[in-house]
mmCIF file of all heavy atoms, coordinates in Angstrom:
data_MODEL
# 
_entry.id   MODEL 
# 
loop_
_atom_site.group_PDB 
_atom_site.id 
_atom_site.type_symbol 
_atom_site.label_atom_id 
_atom_site.label_alt_id 
_atom_site.label_comp_id 
_atom_site.label_asym_id 
_atom_site.label_entity_id 
_atom_site.label_seq_id 
_atom_site.pdbx_PDB_ins_code 
_atom_site.Cartn_x 
_atom_site.Cartn_y 
_atom_site.Cartn_z 
_atom_site.occupancy 
_atom_site.B_iso_or_equiv 
_atom_site.pdbx_formal_charge 
_atom_site.auth_seq_id 
_atom_site.auth_comp_id 
_atom_site.auth_asym_id 
_atom_site.auth_atom_id 
_atom_site.pdbx_PDB_model_num 
ATOM 1   N N   . THR A 1 1  ? -26.350 -4.469  80.847  1.00 0.00 ? 1  THR A N   1 
ATOM 2   C CA  . THR A 1 1  ? -27.595 -3.701  80.809  1.00 0.00 ? 1  THR A CA  1 
ATOM 3   C C   . THR A 1 1  ? -28.804 -4.617  80.869  1.00 0.00 ? 1  THR A C   1 
ATOM 4   O O   . THR A 1 1  ? -29.773 -4.359  81.609  1.00 0.00 ? 1  THR A O   1 
ATOM 5   C CB  . THR A 1 1  ? -27.652 -2.843  79.525  1.00 0.00 ? 1  THR A CB  1 
ATOM 6   O OG1 . THR A 1 1  ? -26.602 -1.875  79.562  1.00 0.00 ? 1  THR A OG1 1 
ATOM 7   C CG2 . THR A 1 1  ? -28.983 -2.121  79.424  1.00 0.00 ? 1  THR A CG2 1 
ATOM 8   N N   . GLU A 1 2  ? -28.757 -5.688  80.105  1.00 0.00 ? 2  GLU A N   1 
ATOM 9   C CA  . GLU A 1 2  ? -29.873 -6.641  80.090  1.00 0.00 ? 2  GLU A CA  1 
ATOM 10  C C   . GLU A 1 2  ? -29.950 -7.424  81.388  1.00 0.00 ? 2  GLU A C   1 
ATOM 11  O O   . GLU A 1 2  ? -31.025 -7.625  81.952  1.00 0.00 ? 2  GLU A O   1 
ATOM 12  C CB  . GLU A 1 2  ? -29.726 -7.591  78.898  1.00 0.00 ? 2  GLU A CB  1 
ATOM 13  C CG  . GLU A 1 2  ? -29.884 -6.917  77.548  1.00 0.00 ? 2  GLU A CG  1 
ATOM 14  C CD  . GLU A 1 2  ? -31.217 -6.208  77.387  1.00 0.00 ? 2  GLU A CD  1 
ATOM 15  O OE1 . GLU A 1 2  ? -32.249 -6.770  77.817  1.00 0.00 ? 2  GLU A OE1 1 
ATOM 16  O OE2 . GLU A 1 2  ? -31.234 -5.079  76.865  1.00 0.00 ? 2  GLU A OE2 1 
ATOM 17  N N   . LYS A 1 3  ? -28.808 -7.869  81.880  1.00 0.00 ? 3  LYS A N   1 
ATOM 18  C CA  . LYS A 1 3  ? -28.784 -8.710  83.086  1.00 0.00 ? 3  LYS A CA  1 
ATOM 19  C C   . LYS A 1 3  ? -29.327 -7.970  84.300  1.00 0.00 ? 3  LYS A C   1 
ATOM 20  O O   . LYS A 1 3  ? -30.076 -8.529  85.108  1.00 0.00 ? 3  LYS A O   1 
ATOM 21  C CB  . LYS A 1 3  ? -27.364 -9.184  83.367  1.00 0.00 ? 3  LYS A CB  1 
ATOM 22  C CG  . LYS A 1 3  ? -27.252 -10.066 84.616  1.00 0.00 ? 3  LYS A CG  1 
ATOM 23  C CD  . LYS A 1 3  ? -25.834 -10.585 84.814  1.00 0.00 ? 3  LYS A CD  1 
ATOM 24  C CE  . LYS A 1 3  ? -25.756 -11.477 86.047  1.00 0.00 ? 3  LYS A CE  1 
ATOM 25  N NZ  . LYS A 1 3  ? -24.390 -12.009 86.270  1.00 0.00 ? 3  LYS A NZ  1 
ATOM 26  N N   . TYR A 1 4  ? -28.967 -6.685  84.436  1.00 0.00 ? 4  TYR A N   1 
ATOM 27  C CA  . TYR A 1 4  ? -29.347 -5.927  85.621  1.00 0.00 ? 4  TYR A CA  1 
ATOM 28  C C   . TYR A 1 4  ? -30.473 -4.916  85.363  1.00 0.00 ? 4  TYR A C   1 
ATOM 29  O O   . TYR A 1 4  ? -30.755 -4.075  86.211  1.00 0.00 ? 4  TYR A O   1 
ATOM 30  C CB  . TYR A 1 4  ? -28.118 -5.219  86.191  1.00 0.00 ? 4  TYR A CB  1 
ATOM 31  C CG  . TYR A 1 4  ? -27.052 -6.188  86.653  1.00 0.00 ? 4  TYR A CG  1 
ATOM 32  C CD1 . TYR A 1 4  ? -25.911 -6.421  85.871  1.00 0.00 ? 4  TYR A CD1 1 
ATOM 33  C CD2 . TYR A 1 4  ? -27.183 -6.895  87.841  1.00 0.00 ? 4  TYR A CD2 1 
ATOM 34  C CE1 . TYR A 1 4  ? -24.935 -7.322  86.274  1.00 0.00 ? 4  TYR A CE1 1 
ATOM 35  C CE2 . TYR A 1 4  ? -26.209 -7.798  88.252  1.00 0.00 ? 4  TYR A CE2 1 
ATOM 36  C CZ  . TYR A 1 4  ? -25.089 -8.007  87.463  1.00 0.00 ? 4  TYR A CZ  1 
ATOM 37  O OH  . TYR A 1 4  ? -24.122 -8.906  87.863  1.00 0.00 ? 4  TYR A OH  1 
ATOM 38  N N   . SER A 1 5  ? -31.101 -5.018  84.191  1.00 0.00 ? 5  SER A N   1 
ATOM 39  C CA  . SER A 1 5  ? -32.274 -4.196  83.840  1.00 0.00 ? 5  SER A CA  1 
ATOM 40  C C   . SER A 1 5  ? -31.999 -2.697  84.041  1.00 0.00 ? 5  SER A C   1 
ATOM 41  O O   . SER A 1 5  ? -32.775 -1.977  84.670  1.00 0.00 ? 5  SER A O   1 
ATOM 42  C CB  . SER A 1 5  ? -33.489 -4.618  84.672  1.00 0.00 ? 5  SER A CB  1 
ATOM 43  O OG  . SER A 1 5  ? -33.780 -5.981  84.492  1.00 0.00 ? 5  SER A OG  1 
ATOM 44  N N   . ILE A 1 6  ? -30.896 -2.247  83.481  1.00 0.00 ? 6  ILE A N   1 
ATOM 45  C CA  . ILE A 1 6  ? -30.489 -0.850  83.640  1.00 0.00 ? 6  ILE A CA  1 
ATOM 46  C C   . ILE A 1 6  ? -31.174 0.005   82.575  1.00 0.00 ? 6  ILE A C   1 
ATOM 47  O O   . ILE A 1 6  ? -31.200 -0.357  81.404  1.00 0.00 ? 6  ILE A O   1 
ATOM 48  C CB  . ILE A 1 6  ? -28.958 -0.718  83.538  1.00 0.00 ? 6  ILE A CB  1 
ATOM 49  C CG1 . ILE A 1 6  ? -28.276 -1.631  84.568  1.00 0.00 ? 6  ILE A CG1 1 
ATOM 50  C CG2 . ILE A 1 6  ? -28.525 0.727   83.759  1.00 0.00 ? 6  ILE A CG2 1 
ATOM 51  C CD1 . ILE A 1 6  ? -26.783 -1.721  84.412  1.00 0.00 ? 6  ILE A CD1 1 
ATOM 52  N N   . GLU A 1 7  ? -31.702 1.151   82.996  1.00 0.00 ? 7  GLU A N   1 
ATOM 53  C CA  . GLU A 1 7  ? -32.439 2.029   82.092  1.00 0.00 ? 7  GLU A CA  1 
ATOM 54  C C   . GLU A 1 7  ? -31.765 3.387   81.881  1.00 0.00 ? 7  GLU A C   1 
ATOM 55  O O   . GLU A 1 7  ? -32.022 4.055   80.879  1.00 0.00 ? 7  GLU A O   1 
ATOM 56  C CB  . GLU A 1 7  ? -33.856 2.269   82.637  1.00 0.00 ? 7  GLU A CB  1 
ATOM 57  C CG  . GLU A 1 7  ? -34.697 0.998   82.796  1.00 0.00 ? 7  GLU A CG  1 
ATOM 58  C CD  . GLU A 1 7  ? -35.119 0.401   81.468  1.00 0.00 ? 7  GLU A CD  1 
ATOM 59  O OE1 . GLU A 1 7  ? -35.107 1.139   80.460  1.00 0.00 ? 7  GLU A OE1 1 
ATOM 60  O OE2 . GLU A 1 7  ? -35.442 -0.797  81.436  1.00 0.00 ? 7  GLU A OE2 1 
ATOM 61  N N   . LYS A 1 8  ? -30.923 3.816   82.843  1.00 0.00 ? 8  LYS A N   1 
ATOM 62  C CA  . LYS A 1 8  ? -30.336 5.149   82.772  1.00 0.00 ? 8  LYS A CA  1 
ATOM 63  C C   . LYS A 1 8  ? -28.815 5.081   82.840  1.00 0.00 ? 8  LYS A C   1 
ATOM 64  O O   . LYS A 1 8  ? -28.252 4.272   83.602  1.00 0.00 ? 8  LYS A O   1 
ATOM 65  C CB  . LYS A 1 8  ? -30.862 6.022   83.921  1.00 0.00 ? 8  LYS A CB  1 
ATOM 66  C CG  . LYS A 1 8  ? -32.373 6.210   83.917  1.00 0.00 ? 8  LYS A CG  1 
ATOM 67  C CD  . LYS A 1 8  ? -32.827 7.023   85.125  1.00 0.00 ? 8  LYS A CD  1 
ATOM 68  C CE  . LYS A 1 8  ? -34.327 7.204   85.157  1.00 0.00 ? 8  LYS A CE  1 
ATOM 69  N NZ  . LYS A 1 8  ? -34.769 7.993   86.335  1.00 0.00 ? 8  LYS A NZ  1 
ATOM 70  N N   . PHE A 1 9  ? -28.187 5.958   82.066  1.00 0.00 ? 9  PHE A N   1 
ATOM 71  C CA  . PHE A 1 9  ? -26.724 5.982   81.975  1.00 0.00 ? 9  PHE A CA  1 
ATOM 72  C C   . PHE A 1 9  ? -26.231 7.433   81.957  1.00 0.00 ? 9  PHE A C   1 
ATOM 73  O O   . PHE A 1 9  ? -26.992 8.332   81.590  1.00 0.00 ? 9  PHE A O   1 
ATOM 74  C CB  . PHE A 1 9  ? -26.276 5.266   80.702  1.00 0.00 ? 9  PHE A CB  1 
ATOM 75  C CG  . PHE A 1 9  ? -26.813 3.875   80.563  1.00 0.00 ? 9  PHE A CG  1 
ATOM 76  C CD1 . PHE A 1 9  ? -28.043 3.660   79.955  1.00 0.00 ? 9  PHE A CD1 1 
ATOM 77  C CD2 . PHE A 1 9  ? -26.110 2.789   81.043  1.00 0.00 ? 9  PHE A CD2 1 
ATOM 78  C CE1 . PHE A 1 9  ? -28.550 2.385   79.832  1.00 0.00 ? 9  PHE A CE1 1 
ATOM 79  C CE2 . PHE A 1 9  ? -26.620 1.514   80.920  1.00 0.00 ? 9  PHE A CE2 1 
ATOM 80  C CZ  . PHE A 1 9  ? -27.845 1.309   80.315  1.00 0.00 ? 9  PHE A CZ  1 
ATOM 81  N N   . PRO A 1 10 ? -24.961 7.667   82.320  1.00 0.00 ? 10 PRO A N   1 
ATOM 82  C CA  . PRO A 1 10 ? -23.968 6.714   82.802  1.00 0.00 ? 10 PRO A CA  1 
ATOM 83  C C   . PRO A 1 10 ? -24.379 6.152   84.164  1.00 0.00 ? 10 PRO A C   1 
ATOM 84  O O   . PRO A 1 10 ? -25.093 6.812   84.916  1.00 0.00 ? 10 PRO A O   1 
ATOM 85  C CB  . PRO A 1 10 ? -22.693 7.553   82.926  1.00 0.00 ? 10 PRO A CB  1 
ATOM 86  C CG  . PRO A 1 10 ? -22.935 8.778   82.102  1.00 0.00 ? 10 PRO A CG  1 
ATOM 87  C CD  . PRO A 1 10 ? -24.407 9.025   82.209  1.00 0.00 ? 10 PRO A CD  1 
ATOM 88  N N   . THR A 1 11 ? -23.901 4.964   84.458  1.00 0.00 ? 11 THR A N   1 
ATOM 89  C CA  . THR A 1 11 ? -24.207 4.344   85.734  1.00 0.00 ? 11 THR A CA  1 
ATOM 90  C C   . THR A 1 11 ? -22.985 3.616   86.268  1.00 0.00 ? 11 THR A C   1 
ATOM 91  O O   . THR A 1 11 ? -21.984 3.452   85.566  1.00 0.00 ? 11 THR A O   1 
ATOM 92  C CB  . THR A 1 11 ? -25.392 3.380   85.608  1.00 0.00 ? 11 THR A CB  1 
ATOM 93  O OG1 . THR A 1 11 ? -25.815 2.982   86.917  1.00 0.00 ? 11 THR A OG1 1 
ATOM 94  C CG2 . THR A 1 11 ? -25.013 2.133   84.813  1.00 0.00 ? 11 THR A CG2 1 
ATOM 95  N N   . ILE A 1 12 ? -23.087 3.189   87.509  1.00 0.00 ? 12 ILE A N   1 
ATOM 96  C CA  . ILE A 1 12 ? -21.988 2.490   88.174  1.00 0.00 ? 12 ILE A CA  1 
ATOM 97  C C   . ILE A 1 12 ? -22.502 1.155   88.699  1.00 0.00 ? 12 ILE A C   1 
ATOM 98  O O   . ILE A 1 12 ? -23.566 1.076   89.301  1.00 0.00 ? 12 ILE A O   1 
ATOM 99  C CB  . ILE A 1 12 ? -21.429 3.311   89.349  1.00 0.00 ? 12 ILE A CB  1 
ATOM 100 C CG1 . ILE A 1 12 ? -20.884 4.655   88.852  1.00 0.00 ? 12 ILE A CG1 1 
ATOM 101 C CG2 . ILE A 1 12 ? -20.331 2.545   90.086  1.00 0.00 ? 12 ILE A CG2 1 
ATOM 102 C CD1 . ILE A 1 12 ? -20.438 5.584   89.979  1.00 0.00 ? 12 ILE A CD1 1 
ATOM 103 N N   . LEU A 1 13 ? -21.724 0.101   88.471  1.00 0.00 ? 13 LEU A N   1 
ATOM 104 C CA  . LEU A 1 13 ? -22.003 -1.212  89.035  1.00 0.00 ? 13 LEU A CA  1 
ATOM 105 C C   . LEU A 1 13 ? -20.849 -1.592  89.962  1.00 0.00 ? 13 LEU A C   1 
ATOM 106 O O   . LEU A 1 13 ? -19.675 -1.414  89.613  1.00 0.00 ? 13 LEU A O   1 
ATOM 107 C CB  . LEU A 1 13 ? -22.147 -2.283  87.959  1.00 0.00 ? 13 LEU A CB  1 
ATOM 108 C CG  . LEU A 1 13 ? -23.384 -2.198  87.054  1.00 0.00 ? 13 LEU A CG  1 
ATOM 109 C CD1 . LEU A 1 13 ? -23.117 -1.259  85.885  1.00 0.00 ? 13 LEU A CD1 1 
ATOM 110 C CD2 . LEU A 1 13 ? -23.764 -3.574  86.512  1.00 0.00 ? 13 LEU A CD2 1 
ATOM 111 N N   . ILE A 1 14 ? -21.191 -2.109  91.136  1.00 0.00 ? 14 ILE A N   1 
ATOM 112 C CA  . ILE A 1 14 ? -20.177 -2.529  92.106  1.00 0.00 ? 14 ILE A CA  1 
ATOM 113 C C   . ILE A 1 14 ? -20.314 -4.031  92.332  1.00 0.00 ? 14 ILE A C   1 
ATOM 114 O O   . ILE A 1 14 ? -21.401 -4.535  92.624  1.00 0.00 ? 14 ILE A O   1 
ATOM 115 C CB  . ILE A 1 14 ? -20.349 -1.789  93.447  1.00 0.00 ? 14 ILE A CB  1 
ATOM 116 C CG1 . ILE A 1 14 ? -20.296 -0.278  93.238  1.00 0.00 ? 14 ILE A CG1 1 
ATOM 117 C CG2 . ILE A 1 14 ? -19.261 -2.218  94.436  1.00 0.00 ? 14 ILE A CG2 1 
ATOM 118 C CD1 . ILE A 1 14 ? -20.555 0.521   94.502  1.00 0.00 ? 14 ILE A CD1 1 
ATOM 119 N N   . PHE A 1 15 ? -19.198 -4.738  92.198  1.00 0.00 ? 15 PHE A N   1 
ATOM 120 C CA  . PHE A 1 15 ? -19.161 -6.179  92.423  1.00 0.00 ? 15 PHE A CA  1 
ATOM 121 C C   . PHE A 1 15 ? -18.206 -6.488  93.575  1.00 0.00 ? 15 PHE A C   1 
ATOM 122 O O   . PHE A 1 15 ? -17.361 -5.676  93.929  1.00 0.00 ? 15 PHE A O   1 
ATOM 123 C CB  . PHE A 1 15 ? -18.691 -6.905  91.160  1.00 0.00 ? 15 PHE A CB  1 
ATOM 124 C CG  . PHE A 1 15 ? -19.536 -6.645  89.945  1.00 0.00 ? 15 PHE A CG  1 
ATOM 125 C CD1 . PHE A 1 15 ? -19.180 -5.660  89.032  1.00 0.00 ? 15 PHE A CD1 1 
ATOM 126 C CD2 . PHE A 1 15 ? -20.691 -7.381  89.718  1.00 0.00 ? 15 PHE A CD2 1 
ATOM 127 C CE1 . PHE A 1 15 ? -19.959 -5.409  87.908  1.00 0.00 ? 15 PHE A CE1 1 
ATOM 128 C CE2 . PHE A 1 15 ? -21.483 -7.130  88.594  1.00 0.00 ? 15 PHE A CE2 1 
ATOM 129 C CZ  . PHE A 1 15 ? -21.104 -6.141  87.696  1.00 0.00 ? 15 PHE A CZ  1 
ATOM 130 N N   . GLY A 1 16 ? -18.346 -7.689  94.134  1.00 0.00 ? 16 GLY A N   1 
ATOM 131 C CA  . GLY A 1 16 ? -17.449 -8.090  95.215  1.00 0.00 ? 16 GLY A CA  1 
ATOM 132 C C   . GLY A 1 16 ? -18.184 -8.190  96.535  1.00 0.00 ? 16 GLY A C   1 
ATOM 133 O O   . GLY A 1 16 ? -19.306 -8.711  96.596  1.00 0.00 ? 16 GLY A O   1 
ATOM 134 N N   . GLU A 1 17 ? -17.582 -7.662  97.585  1.00 0.00 ? 17 GLU A N   1 
ATOM 135 C CA  . GLU A 1 17 ? -18.161 -7.759  98.929  1.00 0.00 ? 17 GLU A CA  1 
ATOM 136 C C   . GLU A 1 17 ? -19.191 -6.640  99.134  1.00 0.00 ? 17 GLU A C   1 
ATOM 137 O O   . GLU A 1 17 ? -19.050 -5.777  100.001 1.00 0.00 ? 17 GLU A O   1 
ATOM 138 C CB  . GLU A 1 17 ? -17.050 -7.695  99.979  1.00 0.00 ? 17 GLU A CB  1 
ATOM 139 C CG  . GLU A 1 17 ? -16.085 -8.874  99.906  1.00 0.00 ? 17 GLU A CG  1 
ATOM 140 C CD  . GLU A 1 17 ? -14.978 -8.804  100.947 1.00 0.00 ? 17 GLU A CD  1 
ATOM 141 O OE1 . GLU A 1 17 ? -14.326 -7.754  101.068 1.00 0.00 ? 17 GLU A OE1 1 
ATOM 142 O OE2 . GLU A 1 17 ? -14.773 -9.820  101.651 1.00 0.00 ? 17 GLU A OE2 1 
ATOM 143 N N   . VAL A 1 18 ? -20.213 -6.686  98.316  1.00 0.00 ? 18 VAL A N   1 
ATOM 144 C CA  . VAL A 1 18 ? -21.206 -5.605  98.312  1.00 0.00 ? 18 VAL A CA  1 
ATOM 145 C C   . VAL A 1 18 ? -22.111 -5.615  99.542  1.00 0.00 ? 18 VAL A C   1 
ATOM 146 O O   . VAL A 1 18 ? -22.724 -4.594  99.868  1.00 0.00 ? 18 VAL A O   1 
ATOM 147 C CB  . VAL A 1 18 ? -22.063 -5.654  97.027  1.00 0.00 ? 18 VAL A CB  1 
ATOM 148 C CG1 . VAL A 1 18 ? -21.201 -5.406  95.806  1.00 0.00 ? 18 VAL A CG1 1 
ATOM 149 C CG2 . VAL A 1 18 ? -22.786 -6.995  96.909  1.00 0.00 ? 18 VAL A CG2 1 
ATOM 150 N N   . ASP A 1 19 ? -22.190 -6.756  100.242 1.00 0.00 ? 19 ASP A N   1 
ATOM 151 C CA  . ASP A 1 19 ? -23.043 -6.816  101.426 1.00 0.00 ? 19 ASP A CA  1 
ATOM 152 C C   . ASP A 1 19 ? -22.487 -5.972  102.570 1.00 0.00 ? 19 ASP A C   1 
ATOM 153 O O   . ASP A 1 19 ? -23.194 -5.705  103.550 1.00 0.00 ? 19 ASP A O   1 
ATOM 154 C CB  . ASP A 1 19 ? -23.212 -8.264  101.888 1.00 0.00 ? 19 ASP A CB  1 
ATOM 155 C CG  . ASP A 1 19 ? -24.077 -9.078  100.936 1.00 0.00 ? 19 ASP A CG  1 
ATOM 156 O OD1 . ASP A 1 19 ? -24.921 -8.463  100.252 1.00 0.00 ? 19 ASP A OD1 1 
ATOM 157 O OD2 . ASP A 1 19 ? -23.909 -10.304 100.854 1.00 0.00 ? 19 ASP A OD2 1 
ATOM 158 N N   . LYS A 1 20 ? -21.233 -5.571  102.459 1.00 0.00 ? 20 LYS A N   1 
ATOM 159 C CA  . LYS A 1 20 ? -20.639 -4.699  103.468 1.00 0.00 ? 20 LYS A CA  1 
ATOM 160 C C   . LYS A 1 20 ? -20.986 -3.231  103.239 1.00 0.00 ? 20 LYS A C   1 
ATOM 161 O O   . LYS A 1 20 ? -20.686 -2.382  104.079 1.00 0.00 ? 20 LYS A O   1 
ATOM 162 C CB  . LYS A 1 20 ? -19.116 -4.847  103.469 1.00 0.00 ? 20 LYS A CB  1 
ATOM 163 C CG  . LYS A 1 20 ? -18.590 -6.170  104.002 1.00 0.00 ? 20 LYS A CG  1 
ATOM 164 C CD  . LYS A 1 20 ? -17.063 -6.147  104.043 1.00 0.00 ? 20 LYS A CD  1 
ATOM 165 C CE  . LYS A 1 20 ? -16.501 -7.416  104.646 1.00 0.00 ? 20 LYS A CE  1 
ATOM 166 N NZ  . LYS A 1 20 ? -15.014 -7.375  104.724 1.00 0.00 ? 20 LYS A NZ  1 
ATOM 167 N N   . LEU A 1 21 ? -21.597 -2.943  102.092 1.00 0.00 ? 21 LEU A N   1 
ATOM 168 C CA  . LEU A 1 21 ? -21.823 -1.560  101.702 1.00 0.00 ? 21 LEU A CA  1 
ATOM 169 C C   . LEU A 1 21 ? -23.300 -1.195  101.742 1.00 0.00 ? 21 LEU A C   1 
ATOM 170 O O   . LEU A 1 21 ? -24.161 -2.016  101.457 1.00 0.00 ? 21 LEU A O   1 
ATOM 171 C CB  . LEU A 1 21 ? -21.288 -1.316  100.280 1.00 0.00 ? 21 LEU A CB  1 
ATOM 172 C CG  . LEU A 1 21 ? -19.810 -1.636  100.041 1.00 0.00 ? 21 LEU A CG  1 
ATOM 173 C CD1 . LEU A 1 21 ? -19.457 -1.437  98.574  1.00 0.00 ? 21 LEU A CD1 1 
ATOM 174 C CD2 . LEU A 1 21 ? -18.924 -0.774  100.926 1.00 0.00 ? 21 LEU A CD2 1 
ATOM 175 N N   . ASN A 1 22 ? -23.560 0.043   102.088 1.00 0.00 ? 22 ASN A N   1 
ATOM 176 C CA  . ASN A 1 22 ? -24.914 0.606   102.045 1.00 0.00 ? 22 ASN A CA  1 
ATOM 177 C C   . ASN A 1 22 ? -24.781 2.032   101.521 1.00 0.00 ? 22 ASN A C   1 
ATOM 178 O O   . ASN A 1 22 ? -24.479 2.951   102.277 1.00 0.00 ? 22 ASN A O   1 
ATOM 179 C CB  . ASN A 1 22 ? -25.556 0.582   103.433 1.00 0.00 ? 22 ASN A CB  1 
ATOM 180 C CG  . ASN A 1 22 ? -26.975 1.096   103.422 1.00 0.00 ? 22 ASN A CG  1 
ATOM 181 O OD1 . ASN A 1 22 ? -27.602 1.206   102.364 1.00 0.00 ? 22 ASN A OD1 1 
ATOM 182 N ND2 . ASN A 1 22 ? -27.496 1.446   104.585 1.00 0.00 ? 22 ASN A ND2 1 
ATOM 183 N N   . ILE A 1 23 ? -24.988 2.200   100.215 1.00 0.00 ? 23 ILE A N   1 
ATOM 184 C CA  . ILE A 1 23 ? -24.726 3.473   99.564  1.00 0.00 ? 23 ILE A CA  1 
ATOM 185 C C   . ILE A 1 23 ? -26.023 4.037   99.001  1.00 0.00 ? 23 ILE A C   1 
ATOM 186 O O   . ILE A 1 23 ? -26.726 3.370   98.246  1.00 0.00 ? 23 ILE A O   1 
ATOM 187 C CB  . ILE A 1 23 ? -23.688 3.313   98.433  1.00 0.00 ? 23 ILE A CB  1 
ATOM 188 C CG1 . ILE A 1 23 ? -22.449 2.566   98.934  1.00 0.00 ? 23 ILE A CG1 1 
ATOM 189 C CG2 . ILE A 1 23 ? -23.289 4.665   97.872  1.00 0.00 ? 23 ILE A CG2 1 
ATOM 190 C CD1 . ILE A 1 23 ? -21.453 2.248   97.850  1.00 0.00 ? 23 ILE A CD1 1 
ATOM 191 N N   . ALA A 1 24 ? -26.330 5.265   99.367  1.00 0.00 ? 24 ALA A N   1 
ATOM 192 C CA  . ALA A 1 24 ? -27.548 5.921   98.880  1.00 0.00 ? 24 ALA A CA  1 
ATOM 193 C C   . ALA A 1 24 ? -27.535 5.995   97.358  1.00 0.00 ? 24 ALA A C   1 
ATOM 194 O O   . ALA A 1 24 ? -26.515 6.323   96.749  1.00 0.00 ? 24 ALA A O   1 
ATOM 195 C CB  . ALA A 1 24 ? -27.662 7.320   99.471  1.00 0.00 ? 24 ALA A CB  1 
ATOM 196 N N   . GLY A 1 25 ? -28.692 5.680   96.766  1.00 0.00 ? 25 GLY A N   1 
ATOM 197 C CA  . GLY A 1 25 ? -28.822 5.732   95.314  1.00 0.00 ? 25 GLY A CA  1 
ATOM 198 C C   . GLY A 1 25 ? -28.541 4.415   94.626  1.00 0.00 ? 25 GLY A C   1 
ATOM 199 O O   . GLY A 1 25 ? -28.842 4.261   93.444  1.00 0.00 ? 25 GLY A O   1 
# 
C-alpha cells in the first residue's frame, strides 16, 4: 500500500511481464 500509494480497496496488483498488457482501469 505504501510502496504503490494505494488509496482504495479491494484492489489488484499485477507483477511480471506487465509491459505486454494494457488493461482499462
